[in-house]
N, C-alpha and C. Protein backbone atom coordinates (compact mmCIF):
# COMPACT_ATOMS: atom_id res chain seq x y z
N GLY A 1 24.31 11.21 -22.24
CA GLY A 1 24.85 12.68 -21.71
C GLY A 1 24.47 13.07 -23.88
N GLU A 2 25.37 12.92 -24.17
CA GLU A 2 25.93 12.90 -25.26
C GLU A 2 24.19 13.05 -25.97
N PHE A 3 23.38 12.82 -26.09
CA PHE A 3 22.17 12.09 -26.78
C PHE A 3 21.16 13.54 -26.05
N LEU A 4 21.47 14.08 -25.07
CA LEU A 4 20.81 15.13 -24.55
C LEU A 4 21.52 16.51 -25.14
N GLN A 5 22.64 16.33 -25.70
CA GLN A 5 23.38 16.92 -26.14
C GLN A 5 22.71 17.49 -27.58
N ASP A 6 22.37 16.86 -28.35
CA ASP A 6 21.93 16.63 -29.93
C ASP A 6 20.79 17.56 -29.82
N GLU A 7 22.03 18.35 -30.45
CA GLU A 7 21.39 19.61 -31.62
C GLU A 7 19.74 19.90 -32.03
N SER A 8 19.86 18.24 -32.75
CA SER A 8 18.38 18.36 -33.32
C SER A 8 16.62 17.88 -32.22
N LEU A 9 17.37 18.04 -31.42
CA LEU A 9 16.30 17.73 -30.55
C LEU A 9 15.86 18.98 -29.70
N SER A 10 14.31 18.86 -30.59
CA SER A 10 13.88 20.06 -29.50
C SER A 10 13.53 20.51 -27.85
N LYS A 11 12.60 21.67 -27.72
CA LYS A 11 13.10 21.62 -25.64
C LYS A 11 12.39 20.71 -25.85
N GLU A 12 11.23 20.60 -26.38
CA GLU A 12 10.18 19.54 -25.81
C GLU A 12 10.95 17.99 -25.78
N GLU A 13 11.11 18.31 -26.62
CA GLU A 13 11.49 16.34 -27.16
C GLU A 13 12.39 16.53 -25.70
N ARG A 14 13.71 16.95 -25.68
CA ARG A 14 14.90 16.83 -24.25
C ARG A 14 13.79 16.83 -22.93
N LYS A 15 12.91 18.45 -22.81
CA LYS A 15 12.18 17.27 -22.02
C LYS A 15 11.61 16.29 -21.50
N GLU A 16 10.61 15.84 -22.67
CA GLU A 16 9.78 14.69 -22.55
C GLU A 16 11.00 13.22 -22.17
N PHE A 17 12.16 13.42 -22.93
CA PHE A 17 12.96 12.93 -22.81
C PHE A 17 13.28 12.90 -21.52
N TYR A 18 14.14 13.68 -20.32
CA TYR A 18 14.22 14.14 -19.56
C TYR A 18 13.26 13.41 -18.43
N GLU A 19 11.82 13.66 -18.94
CA GLU A 19 10.87 13.04 -17.83
C GLU A 19 11.37 11.33 -18.55
N ILE A 20 11.37 10.51 -18.68
CA ILE A 20 11.70 9.35 -18.99
C ILE A 20 12.12 8.89 -18.15
N VAL A 21 13.46 9.22 -18.63
CA VAL A 21 14.67 9.36 -18.24
C VAL A 21 14.49 9.18 -16.24
N MET A 22 13.66 10.28 -16.54
CA MET A 22 12.94 10.44 -13.98
C MET A 22 12.62 9.90 -13.84
N SER A 23 11.51 9.18 -15.13
CA SER A 23 10.21 8.50 -14.45
C SER A 23 11.11 6.82 -14.02
N SER A 24 11.46 6.90 -15.25
CA SER A 24 12.97 5.13 -15.12
C SER A 24 13.10 4.51 -13.45
N LEU A 25 14.58 6.48 -13.70
CA LEU A 25 14.65 5.80 -11.67
C LEU A 25 14.09 6.41 -11.10
N ASN A 26 13.18 7.14 -10.94
CA ASN A 26 12.53 6.56 -9.29
C ASN A 26 11.50 5.55 -9.56
N ARG A 27 11.84 4.50 -10.97
CA ARG A 27 10.59 3.30 -11.37
C ARG A 27 11.42 2.11 -10.13
N LEU A 28 12.80 2.31 -10.67
CA LEU A 28 14.31 1.80 -10.93
C LEU A 28 14.68 1.66 -8.94
N SER A 29 14.48 2.57 -8.81
CA SER A 29 14.55 3.00 -6.90
C SER A 29 13.67 2.76 -6.78
N PHE A 30 12.46 2.61 -6.79
CA PHE A 30 11.45 1.89 -5.73
C PHE A 30 11.66 0.57 -5.93
N LEU A 31 11.84 -0.38 -7.13
CA LEU A 31 11.81 -1.95 -7.79
C LEU A 31 13.20 -1.86 -6.35
N VAL A 32 13.73 -1.81 -6.33
CA VAL A 32 14.87 -1.65 -5.24
C VAL A 32 15.19 -1.75 -4.08
N GLU A 33 14.56 -0.40 -3.63
CA GLU A 33 13.54 -0.83 -2.42
C GLU A 33 12.40 -2.03 -1.75
N SER A 34 12.59 -1.75 -2.65
CA SER A 34 11.37 -2.84 -2.86
C SER A 34 11.90 -4.56 -2.28
N MET A 35 12.82 -4.76 -2.89
CA MET A 35 14.24 -5.40 -3.23
C MET A 35 14.49 -5.81 -1.85
N ILE A 36 15.05 -4.83 -1.45
CA ILE A 36 16.27 -5.07 -0.39
C ILE A 36 15.22 -5.73 1.12
N LYS A 37 13.52 -4.31 0.41
CA LYS A 37 12.31 -4.95 2.27
C LYS A 37 12.23 -5.91 2.16
N MET A 38 11.38 -6.38 1.01
CA MET A 38 11.52 -8.12 1.07
C MET A 38 13.28 -9.09 1.90
N SER A 39 14.12 -8.97 0.91
CA SER A 39 15.00 -10.10 1.49
C SER A 39 15.17 -9.48 3.37
N ARG A 40 15.48 -8.55 3.24
CA ARG A 40 14.63 -8.22 5.23
C ARG A 40 13.44 -8.59 5.15
N LEU A 41 13.17 -8.95 5.06
CA LEU A 41 12.14 -9.80 5.68
C LEU A 41 12.15 -11.24 5.12
N GLU A 42 12.93 -11.53 4.59
CA GLU A 42 13.19 -13.11 4.68
C GLU A 42 13.95 -13.34 5.40
N SER A 43 15.00 -13.25 5.38
CA SER A 43 15.95 -13.20 6.38
C SER A 43 15.50 -12.88 7.22
N GLY A 44 15.00 -12.89 7.78
CA GLY A 44 14.52 -12.44 9.79
C GLY A 44 15.42 -10.68 9.86
N VAL A 45 15.61 -9.61 9.04
CA VAL A 45 16.53 -8.63 9.58
C VAL A 45 16.35 -7.93 9.86
N ILE A 46 14.45 -7.97 9.59
CA ILE A 46 13.45 -6.84 9.68
C ILE A 46 13.83 -7.19 11.73
N ASN A 47 14.12 -6.00 11.86
CA ASN A 47 14.16 -5.82 13.75
C ASN A 47 12.71 -5.34 13.87
N LEU A 48 12.32 -5.79 14.08
CA LEU A 48 10.79 -5.11 14.39
C LEU A 48 10.85 -4.10 15.81
N ARG A 49 10.95 -3.06 15.99
CA ARG A 49 11.03 -1.96 17.14
C ARG A 49 9.95 -1.86 17.45
N TYR A 50 9.01 -2.50 18.76
CA TYR A 50 7.92 -2.51 19.27
C TYR A 50 8.27 -0.98 20.18
N THR A 51 6.86 -0.55 19.85
CA THR A 51 6.56 0.92 21.49
C THR A 51 5.34 0.88 21.33
N VAL A 52 4.57 0.92 23.20
CA VAL A 52 3.25 0.68 22.42
C VAL A 52 2.70 1.70 22.96
N SER A 53 2.15 2.43 21.78
CA SER A 53 1.36 3.23 21.11
C SER A 53 -0.01 3.91 19.88
N GLU A 54 0.12 4.93 19.90
CA GLU A 54 -1.09 5.07 19.38
C GLU A 54 -1.44 4.61 18.12
N LEU A 55 -2.26 3.45 17.81
CA LEU A 55 -2.85 2.74 16.30
C LEU A 55 -3.03 3.88 15.21
N ASN A 56 -3.70 4.52 15.69
CA ASN A 56 -4.54 6.00 15.28
C ASN A 56 -3.58 6.74 14.27
N ASP A 57 -2.17 7.05 15.12
CA ASP A 57 -1.58 7.55 14.45
C ASP A 57 -0.83 7.08 13.02
N THR A 58 -0.76 6.40 13.24
CA THR A 58 0.21 4.47 12.86
C THR A 58 -0.73 4.92 11.19
N LEU A 59 -2.48 4.45 11.33
CA LEU A 59 -2.84 5.25 10.25
C LEU A 59 -2.78 6.21 9.79
N LEU A 60 -3.40 7.01 10.72
CA LEU A 60 -2.65 7.94 10.20
C LEU A 60 -1.37 9.09 9.49
N MET A 61 0.06 7.78 9.39
CA MET A 61 0.58 8.36 8.35
C MET A 61 1.06 8.18 7.90
N ALA A 62 -0.09 6.75 7.80
CA ALA A 62 0.10 6.89 5.81
C ALA A 62 -0.84 6.49 4.87
N ILE A 63 -2.01 7.23 5.53
CA ILE A 63 -3.24 7.68 5.40
C ILE A 63 -2.28 9.64 4.41
N ASN A 64 -1.48 9.58 4.97
CA ASN A 64 -0.81 11.08 4.50
C ASN A 64 -0.63 10.76 3.66
N GLU A 65 0.17 9.62 3.67
CA GLU A 65 1.95 9.63 2.15
C GLU A 65 1.14 9.00 1.69
N ILE A 66 -0.85 8.80 1.54
CA ILE A 66 -0.94 8.47 0.01
C ILE A 66 -1.59 9.43 -0.22
N GLN A 67 -1.81 10.87 0.70
CA GLN A 67 -2.78 11.59 0.46
C GLN A 67 -2.53 12.16 -1.11
N SER A 68 -1.59 12.42 -1.51
CA SER A 68 -0.90 13.91 -2.69
C SER A 68 -2.05 12.18 -3.86
N LYS A 69 -1.43 11.03 -3.88
CA LYS A 69 -1.83 10.20 -4.88
C LYS A 69 -3.66 9.93 -5.57
N ALA A 70 -4.04 10.39 -4.03
CA ALA A 70 -5.37 9.81 -3.65
C ALA A 70 -6.12 11.17 -4.19
N LYS A 71 -5.08 13.04 -4.40
CA LYS A 71 -5.71 13.37 -4.61
C LYS A 71 -6.16 13.58 -6.40
N ALA A 72 -5.07 13.52 -6.69
CA ALA A 72 -4.55 13.55 -8.49
C ALA A 72 -5.32 12.65 -8.36
N LYS A 73 -6.38 11.55 -8.48
CA LYS A 73 -7.84 10.90 -8.28
C LYS A 73 -8.93 11.41 -7.89
N ASN A 74 -8.83 12.22 -7.24
CA ASN A 74 -10.36 13.25 -6.54
C ASN A 74 -10.39 12.01 -5.72
N ILE A 75 -9.61 11.09 -4.98
CA ILE A 75 -10.55 9.74 -4.38
C ILE A 75 -10.18 9.95 -2.45
N GLU A 76 -11.39 10.21 -2.38
CA GLU A 76 -11.42 11.12 -0.70
C GLU A 76 -10.42 9.11 0.43
N ILE A 77 -9.89 9.88 1.24
CA ILE A 77 -10.20 8.75 2.36
C ILE A 77 -10.91 9.45 3.56
N THR A 78 -11.33 8.59 4.33
CA THR A 78 -11.80 9.20 5.23
C THR A 78 -11.76 8.11 6.78
N LEU A 79 -11.85 8.36 6.95
CA LEU A 79 -11.07 8.11 8.77
C LEU A 79 -11.97 7.24 9.87
N ASP A 80 -12.90 6.35 9.92
CA ASP A 80 -13.87 6.45 11.79
C ASP A 80 -13.16 6.02 12.36
N GLU A 81 -12.67 6.57 12.92
CA GLU A 81 -12.66 5.52 14.70
C GLU A 81 -13.14 5.58 15.42
N VAL A 82 -13.67 4.64 15.13
CA VAL A 82 -14.60 4.30 16.96
C VAL A 82 -13.58 3.87 17.52
N ASN A 83 -13.27 3.60 17.80
CA ASN A 83 -12.02 3.37 19.28
C ASN A 83 -10.40 3.90 19.33
N LYS A 84 -9.92 5.06 20.09
CA LYS A 84 -8.23 4.46 20.35
C LYS A 84 -8.02 3.95 20.98
N VAL A 85 -7.12 3.32 19.97
CA VAL A 85 -6.38 2.09 19.97
C VAL A 85 -5.00 2.48 20.56
N THR A 86 -4.88 1.80 21.62
CA THR A 86 -3.16 2.30 22.12
C THR A 86 -2.88 0.51 22.01
N ILE A 87 -1.87 0.52 20.59
CA ILE A 87 -1.32 -1.63 21.37
C ILE A 87 0.78 -0.46 21.17
N ASN A 88 0.66 -2.62 21.88
CA ASN A 88 2.59 -2.40 20.89
C ASN A 88 2.39 -3.17 19.67
N HIS A 89 3.37 -1.81 19.16
CA HIS A 89 3.12 -2.36 17.05
C HIS A 89 4.57 -1.50 17.30
N ASP A 90 5.59 -2.21 15.48
CA ASP A 90 6.33 -1.24 15.37
C ASP A 90 5.59 -0.37 14.03
N LYS A 91 5.64 0.92 14.75
CA LYS A 91 4.67 2.04 13.70
C LYS A 91 5.91 1.42 12.71
N ASN A 92 6.57 2.10 11.85
CA ASN A 92 7.77 2.73 10.33
C ASN A 92 7.01 1.39 10.20
N TRP A 93 6.55 -0.43 10.69
CA TRP A 93 6.80 -1.31 10.18
C TRP A 93 5.39 -1.45 9.65
N ILE A 94 4.18 -0.95 10.90
CA ILE A 94 2.74 -1.14 10.89
C ILE A 94 2.07 0.13 9.23
N LYS A 95 3.21 1.14 10.06
CA LYS A 95 2.45 2.48 8.31
C LYS A 95 2.60 1.54 7.10
N GLU A 96 3.86 1.10 6.82
CA GLU A 96 5.01 0.30 5.34
C GLU A 96 2.86 -0.55 5.52
N GLY A 97 3.17 -1.22 6.16
CA GLY A 97 1.91 -2.31 5.67
C GLY A 97 0.48 -1.55 4.80
N ILE A 98 0.45 -1.38 6.31
CA ILE A 98 -1.89 -0.12 5.63
C ILE A 98 -1.24 1.31 4.35
N PHE A 99 -0.02 1.10 4.60
CA PHE A 99 0.16 2.26 2.89
C PHE A 99 0.02 1.44 1.96
N ASN A 100 0.37 0.45 2.14
CA ASN A 100 0.16 -0.82 1.00
C ASN A 100 -0.74 -0.55 0.22
N ILE A 101 -1.40 -0.99 1.63
CA ILE A 101 -2.90 -1.56 0.64
C ILE A 101 -3.98 -0.44 1.04
N LEU A 102 -3.60 0.61 1.25
CA LEU A 102 -4.33 2.00 0.72
C LEU A 102 -3.52 2.21 -0.97
N GLU A 103 -2.97 1.91 -1.09
CA GLU A 103 -2.32 2.16 -2.44
C GLU A 103 -3.04 1.40 -3.12
N ASN A 104 -3.21 0.05 -2.79
CA ASN A 104 -3.54 -0.64 -4.13
C ASN A 104 -4.70 -0.04 -4.35
N ALA A 105 -5.78 0.24 -3.45
CA ALA A 105 -6.56 0.74 -2.97
C ALA A 105 -7.30 1.99 -3.73
N VAL A 106 -6.36 3.01 -3.97
CA VAL A 106 -5.94 3.94 -4.56
C VAL A 106 -5.71 3.52 -6.54
N LYS A 107 -4.72 2.93 -6.22
CA LYS A 107 -4.56 2.02 -7.86
C LYS A 107 -6.19 1.02 -8.57
N TYR A 108 -6.31 0.71 -7.92
CA TYR A 108 -7.49 0.27 -8.82
C TYR A 108 -8.85 0.83 -8.47
N SER A 109 -8.71 1.87 -7.69
CA SER A 109 -10.14 2.47 -7.25
C SER A 109 -10.44 4.01 -9.39
N SER A 110 -11.79 4.01 -10.09
CA SER A 110 -11.91 5.04 -9.88
C SER A 110 -11.41 6.27 -9.92
N GLU A 111 -11.22 7.53 -10.55
CA GLU A 111 -11.79 8.83 -10.19
C GLU A 111 -12.59 9.49 -9.62
N ASN A 112 -12.59 9.79 -8.41
CA ASN A 112 -13.58 9.92 -7.79
C ASN A 112 -13.93 9.64 -6.51
N GLY A 113 -13.94 7.98 -6.14
CA GLY A 113 -13.89 7.25 -5.65
C GLY A 113 -13.51 7.33 -4.04
N LYS A 114 -13.88 6.41 -2.78
CA LYS A 114 -14.12 7.29 -2.29
C LYS A 114 -12.80 5.38 -1.08
N ILE A 115 -12.78 6.06 -0.07
CA ILE A 115 -11.57 4.79 0.29
C ILE A 115 -12.24 5.02 2.20
N ASP A 116 -12.85 4.20 2.61
CA ASP A 116 -13.01 4.34 4.18
C ASP A 116 -11.78 3.90 4.90
N VAL A 117 -11.32 4.24 6.30
CA VAL A 117 -10.98 3.33 6.75
C VAL A 117 -11.21 3.18 8.27
N LYS A 118 -11.50 1.96 8.90
CA LYS A 118 -12.39 2.21 10.37
C LYS A 118 -11.73 1.32 11.03
N ILE A 119 -11.00 2.08 12.45
CA ILE A 119 -10.62 1.26 13.49
C ILE A 119 -11.10 0.62 14.93
N GLU A 120 -11.19 -0.38 14.68
CA GLU A 120 -12.55 -1.45 16.16
C GLU A 120 -11.60 -1.70 17.00
N SER A 121 -11.20 -1.64 18.88
CA SER A 121 -11.12 -2.10 18.95
C SER A 121 -12.02 -3.80 19.94
N TYR A 122 -11.05 -5.14 19.51
CA TYR A 122 -12.33 -6.00 20.45
C TYR A 122 -11.28 -6.58 21.50
N GLU A 123 -11.84 -7.32 22.44
CA GLU A 123 -10.95 -7.36 23.71
C GLU A 123 -9.59 -8.31 23.26
N MET A 124 -9.89 -9.39 22.28
CA MET A 124 -8.22 -9.32 22.41
C MET A 124 -7.38 -8.84 20.90
N PHE A 125 -8.09 -8.19 19.70
CA PHE A 125 -8.25 -8.11 18.96
C PHE A 125 -8.90 -6.59 18.34
N VAL A 126 -7.18 -6.20 17.30
CA VAL A 126 -7.52 -4.59 17.06
C VAL A 126 -8.24 -4.21 15.24
N ARG A 127 -9.06 -4.47 15.10
CA ARG A 127 -9.20 -4.87 13.41
C ARG A 127 -9.10 -3.33 13.01
N VAL A 128 -8.28 -3.86 11.65
CA VAL A 128 -8.82 -2.29 10.58
C VAL A 128 -9.39 -2.60 9.41
N ASP A 129 -10.53 -1.47 9.28
CA ASP A 129 -10.85 -2.12 7.82
C ASP A 129 -10.58 -1.29 6.92
N ILE A 130 -10.61 -1.10 5.54
CA ILE A 130 -9.94 -0.78 4.67
C ILE A 130 -10.97 -1.39 3.02
N LYS A 131 -11.84 -0.89 3.38
CA LYS A 131 -13.36 -0.24 2.06
C LYS A 131 -13.28 -0.06 0.92
N ASP A 132 -12.90 0.13 0.04
CA ASP A 132 -12.71 0.58 -1.56
C ASP A 132 -13.80 -0.01 -1.56
N ASN A 133 -14.05 1.78 -3.23
CA ASN A 133 -15.24 0.76 -4.40
C ASN A 133 -14.75 0.25 -5.25
N GLY A 134 -13.24 0.24 -5.18
CA GLY A 134 -12.15 0.29 -6.75
C GLY A 134 -13.29 -1.26 -8.19
N ILE A 135 -12.12 -2.11 -8.66
CA ILE A 135 -12.70 -2.74 -9.46
C ILE A 135 -13.09 -4.13 -8.65
N GLY A 136 -12.93 -3.84 -7.11
CA GLY A 136 -12.75 -5.81 -6.57
C GLY A 136 -12.26 -6.84 -7.38
N ILE A 137 -11.45 -7.89 -6.36
CA ILE A 137 -10.92 -8.76 -7.20
C ILE A 137 -11.83 -10.07 -7.10
N LYS A 138 -11.30 -10.79 -8.61
CA LYS A 138 -11.56 -12.03 -8.84
C LYS A 138 -11.90 -13.03 -7.89
N GLU A 139 -12.86 -13.86 -6.74
CA GLU A 139 -12.18 -14.36 -6.97
C GLU A 139 -11.01 -15.93 -7.25
N ASP A 140 -11.25 -15.95 -8.71
CA ASP A 140 -9.78 -16.87 -8.84
C ASP A 140 -8.60 -16.22 -7.87
N ASP A 141 -8.56 -14.22 -8.03
CA ASP A 141 -7.26 -14.01 -7.95
C ASP A 141 -7.66 -14.26 -5.94
N MET A 142 -7.80 -14.32 -5.22
CA MET A 142 -8.26 -14.41 -4.45
C MET A 142 -6.79 -14.97 -3.37
N PRO A 143 -6.66 -15.76 -3.37
CA PRO A 143 -5.71 -16.68 -2.94
C PRO A 143 -4.46 -17.08 -3.32
N LYS A 144 -4.36 -15.77 -4.29
CA LYS A 144 -2.84 -15.82 -5.46
C LYS A 144 -2.46 -13.89 -4.65
N ILE A 145 -3.35 -13.13 -4.05
CA ILE A 145 -2.92 -11.77 -3.98
C ILE A 145 -1.91 -11.33 -3.51
N PHE A 146 -2.10 -12.43 -1.89
CA PHE A 146 -0.82 -11.82 -1.42
C PHE A 146 0.70 -11.82 -1.63
N SER A 147 0.23 -13.20 -2.85
CA SER A 147 2.02 -13.69 -3.41
C SER A 147 2.95 -12.69 -4.27
N ARG A 148 4.13 -13.03 -3.75
CA ARG A 148 5.30 -12.35 -4.44
C ARG A 148 4.90 -11.87 -5.99
N PHE A 149 4.79 -10.26 -6.94
CA PHE A 149 4.91 -10.23 -7.56
C PHE A 149 3.61 -10.27 -8.47
N TYR A 150 2.43 -10.59 -7.94
CA TYR A 150 0.95 -10.95 -8.22
C TYR A 150 0.39 -9.78 -8.76
N ARG A 151 0.27 -9.83 -9.72
CA ARG A 151 -0.41 -8.99 -10.10
C ARG A 151 -2.27 -9.16 -10.94
N GLY A 152 -3.51 -8.79 -10.01
CA GLY A 152 -4.35 -9.09 -11.28
C GLY A 152 -5.33 -9.24 -12.54
N GLU A 153 -5.48 -9.92 -13.22
CA GLU A 153 -6.30 -10.40 -14.34
C GLU A 153 -6.28 -8.51 -15.26
N ASN A 154 -6.52 -8.71 -13.63
CA ASN A 154 -8.38 -7.26 -14.20
C ASN A 154 -7.72 -5.49 -13.78
N VAL A 155 -6.96 -6.17 -13.78
CA VAL A 155 -5.74 -4.80 -13.18
C VAL A 155 -6.40 -3.79 -14.53
N GLY A 156 -5.37 -4.93 -15.95
CA GLY A 156 -4.90 -3.17 -16.72
C GLY A 156 -4.05 -2.92 -16.80
N ASP A 157 -3.28 -1.76 -16.94
CA ASP A 157 -1.34 -1.14 -17.48
C ASP A 157 -2.09 -0.09 -16.33
N ALA A 158 -2.57 -0.64 -14.55
CA ALA A 158 -2.07 0.12 -13.55
C ALA A 158 -0.50 -0.59 -12.74
N GLU A 159 0.61 0.87 -12.93
CA GLU A 159 1.11 0.17 -12.49
C GLU A 159 1.64 -0.32 -11.12
N GLY A 160 2.51 -1.62 -11.17
CA GLY A 160 2.93 -2.16 -9.51
C GLY A 160 3.35 -3.17 -9.66
N ILE A 161 4.10 -3.97 -8.90
CA ILE A 161 4.48 -4.93 -9.50
C ILE A 161 4.26 -5.83 -8.25
N GLY A 162 3.19 -5.19 -7.55
CA GLY A 162 2.37 -6.73 -6.69
C GLY A 162 3.28 -6.94 -5.34
N ILE A 163 4.21 -6.04 -5.13
CA ILE A 163 5.42 -6.89 -4.29
C ILE A 163 4.18 -6.24 -2.52
N GLY A 164 3.67 -5.73 -2.44
CA GLY A 164 3.20 -4.18 -1.93
C GLY A 164 2.43 -5.32 -0.85
N LEU A 165 2.15 -6.42 -0.49
CA LEU A 165 0.96 -6.85 -0.14
C LEU A 165 1.27 -7.88 0.37
N TYR A 166 2.08 -8.30 -0.83
CA TYR A 166 3.85 -9.75 -0.06
C TYR A 166 4.21 -9.09 1.56
N LEU A 167 4.68 -7.92 1.75
CA LEU A 167 4.91 -7.86 1.93
C LEU A 167 3.61 -6.79 3.60
N THR A 168 2.99 -6.54 3.38
CA THR A 168 2.17 -6.35 4.14
C THR A 168 1.38 -7.45 4.90
N ARG A 169 1.37 -8.83 4.14
CA ARG A 169 1.04 -9.74 4.79
C ARG A 169 2.14 -10.31 6.45
N GLU A 170 3.49 -10.21 5.67
CA GLU A 170 4.05 -10.42 5.91
C GLU A 170 4.99 -9.88 7.52
N ILE A 171 3.97 -8.20 7.24
CA ILE A 171 4.40 -7.33 8.49
C ILE A 171 4.02 -7.88 9.33
N VAL A 172 1.97 -8.24 9.10
CA VAL A 172 1.26 -8.08 10.16
C VAL A 172 1.81 -9.23 10.30
N SER A 173 1.96 -10.13 10.12
CA SER A 173 1.97 -11.36 10.73
C SER A 173 3.39 -11.81 11.39
N LYS A 174 4.27 -10.15 11.32
CA LYS A 174 5.24 -11.48 12.15
C LYS A 174 4.65 -10.30 13.16
N HIS A 175 3.64 -9.50 13.36
CA HIS A 175 3.04 -8.42 14.23
C HIS A 175 2.26 -9.70 15.05
N GLY A 176 1.45 -11.29 15.21
CA GLY A 176 1.54 -11.73 15.71
C GLY A 176 0.12 -11.64 15.56
N GLY A 177 -0.29 -11.30 13.86
CA GLY A 177 -1.42 -10.67 13.50
C GLY A 177 -2.30 -11.32 12.65
N TYR A 178 -3.05 -11.08 11.58
CA TYR A 178 -3.35 -11.72 10.04
C TYR A 178 -4.97 -10.91 9.29
N ILE A 179 -4.70 -10.75 8.52
CA ILE A 179 -4.76 -10.23 7.04
C ILE A 179 -6.23 -11.07 6.61
N LYS A 180 -7.44 -10.22 6.60
CA LYS A 180 -8.89 -10.72 5.96
C LYS A 180 -9.59 -9.80 4.42
N VAL A 181 -9.52 -10.79 3.73
CA VAL A 181 -10.23 -10.32 2.68
C VAL A 181 -11.55 -10.45 1.65
N LYS A 182 -12.59 -9.40 1.56
CA LYS A 182 -13.24 -9.95 1.25
C LYS A 182 -13.90 -8.90 0.00
N SER A 183 -14.70 -9.16 -1.20
CA SER A 183 -14.27 -8.52 -2.57
C SER A 183 -16.26 -8.62 -3.12
N HIS A 184 -16.05 -7.48 -4.24
CA HIS A 184 -17.20 -8.14 -5.23
C HIS A 184 -17.10 -7.06 -6.03
N ASN A 185 -17.31 -6.88 -6.76
CA ASN A 185 -17.34 -5.84 -8.36
C ASN A 185 -16.98 -4.42 -7.53
N GLU A 186 -17.55 -4.14 -6.93
CA GLU A 186 -18.41 -3.01 -5.82
C GLU A 186 -17.48 -2.82 -5.21
N GLY A 187 -16.05 -3.67 -5.46
CA GLY A 187 -14.84 -3.07 -4.17
C GLY A 187 -14.39 -4.13 -3.13
N SER A 188 -13.47 -3.77 -2.23
CA SER A 188 -12.76 -4.80 -1.76
C SER A 188 -12.30 -3.96 0.11
N ILE A 189 -12.55 -5.13 1.05
CA ILE A 189 -12.42 -4.46 1.94
C ILE A 189 -11.25 -5.32 2.37
N PHE A 190 -9.94 -5.38 2.70
CA PHE A 190 -8.95 -5.29 3.88
C PHE A 190 -9.32 -5.41 5.30
N SER A 191 -9.03 -6.68 6.15
CA SER A 191 -9.92 -5.71 7.22
C SER A 191 -8.03 -6.85 7.89
N ILE A 192 -7.73 -6.27 8.68
CA ILE A 192 -5.98 -6.73 9.41
C ILE A 192 -6.54 -6.44 11.18
N PHE A 193 -5.73 -7.64 11.33
CA PHE A 193 -6.61 -8.25 12.60
C PHE A 193 -5.17 -7.80 13.21
N LEU A 194 -4.54 -6.79 14.88
CA LEU A 194 -3.21 -7.05 15.46
C LEU A 194 -3.74 -7.49 16.55
N PRO A 195 -2.80 -7.93 17.34
CA PRO A 195 -3.54 -8.71 19.13
C PRO A 195 -3.43 -7.24 19.66
N ASN A 196 -4.83 -7.79 20.32
CA ASN A 196 -4.77 -6.40 21.19
C ASN A 196 -3.43 -6.02 23.21
N LYS A 197 -2.37 -6.31 23.13
CA LYS A 197 -2.15 -6.90 24.27
C LYS A 197 -1.46 -5.40 24.58
């Protein structure tokens, strides 16, 4: 408080300092929130509240939440609804899982990129593909991307602590599903498989 009242600070400096403090606070609350989510998962406190509902809606919720970050980089997100899918799932947690993958895709895609989300239904499972045209994931990094606090070496200064994908994999496996990743230097495809029951 005293620092901000220092008369020798110009209005600009004060504004800049304030913004730094605010962004640090936001970052901190994001970290704390992530930690809480993670410890909940690990202690099994995440109570999945299953409802039989449309997975398409859950996907749209996640896409809407990432829209502003995507717009800032002029990244277009498309949803290809091959099928309307109704399955038993926890909308909030699956939305969280999908959001994390989308957030990564936005983070590691360059300006004017494109992210395609596709939902298809098979007899035993439902498949959601999230395809980006970002920097891709190195072969060596593939096994590590789902571990805690992991960040790829070629990500430069993109913010984030790599908790997202770890959380996503946990959420999906708690639903009895799994994730596959394909990547090359033109981007990555994350495929989520959930039981179709």
